[in-house]
Protein backbone atom coordinates (compact mmCIF):
# COMPACT_ATOMS: atom_id res chain seq x y z
CA MET A 1 16.87 21.59 89.25
CA VAL A 2 18.28 22.78 86.27
CA ASP A 3 19.03 25.92 87.48
CA LYS A 4 21.00 24.05 90.57
CA TRP A 5 23.50 22.81 87.96
CA GLU A 6 23.94 25.59 85.74
CA ASN A 7 24.54 27.62 88.93
CA HIS A 8 27.53 25.13 90.00
CA ILE A 9 29.09 24.55 86.35
CA ASP A 10 28.93 28.48 86.11
CA ARG A 11 30.71 28.82 89.23
CA ALA A 12 33.16 26.35 87.94
CA ILE A 13 33.69 28.34 85.19
CA ARG A 14 34.06 31.60 86.78
CA LYS A 15 36.27 29.90 89.44
CA ALA A 16 38.48 28.63 86.86
CA MET A 17 38.48 31.83 84.73
CA GLU A 18 39.36 33.46 88.10
CA GLU A 19 42.41 31.25 88.36
CA GLY A 20 43.60 31.72 84.89
CA SER A 21 43.05 28.75 84.09
CA PHE A 22 41.78 29.36 80.49
CA ASN A 23 44.58 32.17 79.77
CA ASP A 24 46.97 29.91 77.75
CA LEU A 25 45.14 27.91 75.69
CA PRO A 26 46.24 27.17 72.26
CA GLY A 27 45.03 29.48 69.92
CA THR A 28 43.82 31.72 72.61
CA GLY A 29 42.91 34.97 70.50
CA LYS A 30 43.02 33.89 67.05
CA PRO A 31 39.80 33.19 64.90
CA LEU A 32 38.60 29.95 64.56
CA ASP A 33 39.30 28.06 61.34
CA LEU A 34 35.85 26.97 60.12
CA PRO A 35 36.63 25.79 56.87
CA ASP A 36 33.82 26.30 54.21
CA ASP A 37 32.39 22.73 53.63
CA PRO A 38 29.01 23.50 51.58
CA ASN A 39 27.58 20.19 53.14
CA THR A 40 28.00 21.15 56.85
CA PRO A 41 24.96 22.96 58.25
CA SER A 42 26.46 26.45 59.61
CA ASP A 43 24.67 25.63 62.59
CA MET A 44 27.31 22.52 63.22
CA LYS A 45 30.86 23.94 61.55
CA LEU A 46 31.68 24.50 65.20
CA ALA A 47 31.22 20.93 66.60
CA TYR A 48 32.47 19.22 63.14
CA LYS A 49 35.75 21.38 64.13
CA ILE A 50 36.15 20.19 67.48
CA LEU A 51 35.52 16.49 66.41
CA ARG A 52 37.88 16.75 63.38
CA ASP A 53 40.47 18.03 65.37
CA ASN A 54 39.96 15.23 68.37
CA ASP A 55 40.27 12.73 65.31
CA TYR A 56 36.44 12.18 66.29
CA ALA A 57 33.72 11.80 63.02
CA PRO A 58 29.73 12.02 63.33
CA GLU A 59 28.43 8.28 63.24
CA TRP A 60 27.10 8.70 59.92
CA ILE A 61 30.38 9.43 58.46
CA VAL A 62 32.31 6.60 60.25
CA MET A 63 29.53 4.17 59.07
CA GLY A 64 29.48 5.62 55.58
CA ARG A 65 33.51 4.49 55.36
CA ASP A 66 32.96 0.98 56.67
CA LEU A 67 30.05 0.60 54.02
CA GLY A 68 32.24 1.92 51.58
CA LEU A 69 34.96 -0.71 52.17
CA LYS A 70 32.21 -3.07 52.62
CA VAL A 71 30.68 -2.22 48.28
CA ASP A 72 34.22 -2.14 47.54
CA GLN A 73 34.85 -5.49 48.84
CA TRP A 74 31.51 -6.98 47.20
CA GLN A 75 32.55 -5.38 44.24
CA ALA A 76 36.07 -6.70 43.95
CA ARG A 77 34.05 -10.52 44.72
CA LEU A 78 31.82 -9.85 41.59
CA ARG A 79 34.80 -9.16 39.36
CA ALA A 80 36.79 -12.12 40.30
CA ALA A 81 34.33 -14.37 39.91
CA TYR A 82 32.70 -12.90 37.07
CA LEU A 83 36.80 -13.32 35.54
CA THR A 84 36.94 -16.88 36.68
CA PHE A 85 33.68 -17.33 35.08
CA THR A 86 34.80 -15.90 31.53
CA HIS A 87 38.01 -17.28 31.86
CA SER A 88 36.95 -20.95 32.67
CA ALA A 89 34.00 -20.66 29.93
CA ALA A 90 36.28 -20.07 27.10
CA ASN A 91 37.33 -23.83 27.69
CA PRO A 92 35.05 -26.21 25.98
CA ALA A 93 35.91 -28.94 28.87
CA ALA A 94 35.72 -26.67 31.80
CA ARG A 95 32.24 -24.96 30.43
CA ALA A 96 29.68 -27.19 32.20
CA GLN A 97 31.25 -27.05 35.28
CA ALA A 98 32.21 -23.23 35.21
CA ALA A 99 28.22 -22.29 34.45
CA VAL A 100 27.61 -24.35 37.83
CA ASP A 101 30.44 -22.61 39.78
CA TRP A 102 29.11 -19.16 37.83
CA ARG A 103 25.37 -19.55 39.08
CA SER A 104 26.46 -20.48 42.61
CA ALA A 105 28.88 -17.23 42.99
CA GLN A 106 25.83 -15.13 41.62
CA ASP A 107 23.56 -16.59 44.45
CA ARG A 108 26.46 -16.15 46.78
CA LEU A 109 26.59 -12.49 46.11
CA ALA A 110 23.29 -11.77 45.59
CA GLN A 111 22.62 -12.81 49.19
CA ALA A 112 25.57 -10.46 50.14
CA ALA A 113 23.86 -7.98 47.78
CA GLU A 114 20.71 -8.06 49.81
CA LYS A 115 22.56 -7.80 53.11
CA LEU A 116 24.72 -4.75 52.03
CA ASN A 117 21.25 -3.33 50.71
CA LYS A 118 19.70 -3.31 54.35
CA GLU A 119 22.81 -1.53 56.28
CA ILE A 120 22.47 0.56 52.59
CA MET A 121 18.95 1.59 53.53
CA GLY A 122 20.02 1.80 57.74
CA TYR A 123 23.05 4.43 56.89
CA ASN A 124 20.89 6.72 54.30
CA LEU A 125 18.27 6.60 57.03
CA ARG A 126 20.59 8.35 59.61
CA LEU A 127 21.89 10.83 57.29
CA PRO A 128 21.62 14.55 57.93
CA PRO A 129 19.54 16.18 55.60
CA GLY A 130 20.99 17.77 52.05
CA VAL A 131 23.62 14.69 52.04
CA MET A 132 23.23 12.53 49.11
CA HIS A 133 21.78 8.73 49.90
CA ARG A 134 24.02 5.82 48.72
CA ALA A 135 22.21 3.58 46.32
CA PRO A 136 21.73 0.05 47.10
CA LEU A 137 23.24 -2.70 45.44
CA ASN A 138 22.33 -4.43 41.81
CA LEU A 139 23.93 -7.15 40.98
CA THR A 140 22.39 -7.39 37.70
CA HIS A 141 23.50 -4.06 36.82
CA GLU A 142 26.68 -4.31 38.07
CA LEU A 143 26.98 -7.56 35.83
CA GLU A 144 26.13 -5.41 32.54
CA ARG A 145 28.69 -3.20 33.95
CA LEU A 146 31.31 -6.11 33.62
CA ALA A 147 30.44 -7.07 30.34
CA HIS A 148 30.63 -3.67 28.90
CA LEU A 149 34.06 -2.93 30.50
CA ALA A 150 35.22 -6.67 28.90
């Protein structure tokens, strides 16, 4: 069965060559421009170039971009909640309510981090060998970092 298809494909290519269908292709006779990316396996450079030239990307790259945006949004929400708490807590009359609101914000952020961490794990499992994994979110670590910045 495979030979039947290979023969059909070979015939179609040969016919197209004889008719000159490949004579005026862009870049004919020029060497391929394969960027030297140390993170791209040598056997995948041509495939990645074809994807890049046609505005496509491997699934794991698209997932990484989307995940990066989600992590950035989560971190922005955390910073906003932290700043709101620190400003509100400075007012003695609002301190008790600020603590309640802060605890509620932390609970929501922890749930969102748990959900994102599942996505991060799925992303890490799809990465090709040699590509660095994304670290999971850690609310406690992020809060400590914010406290040191303040």
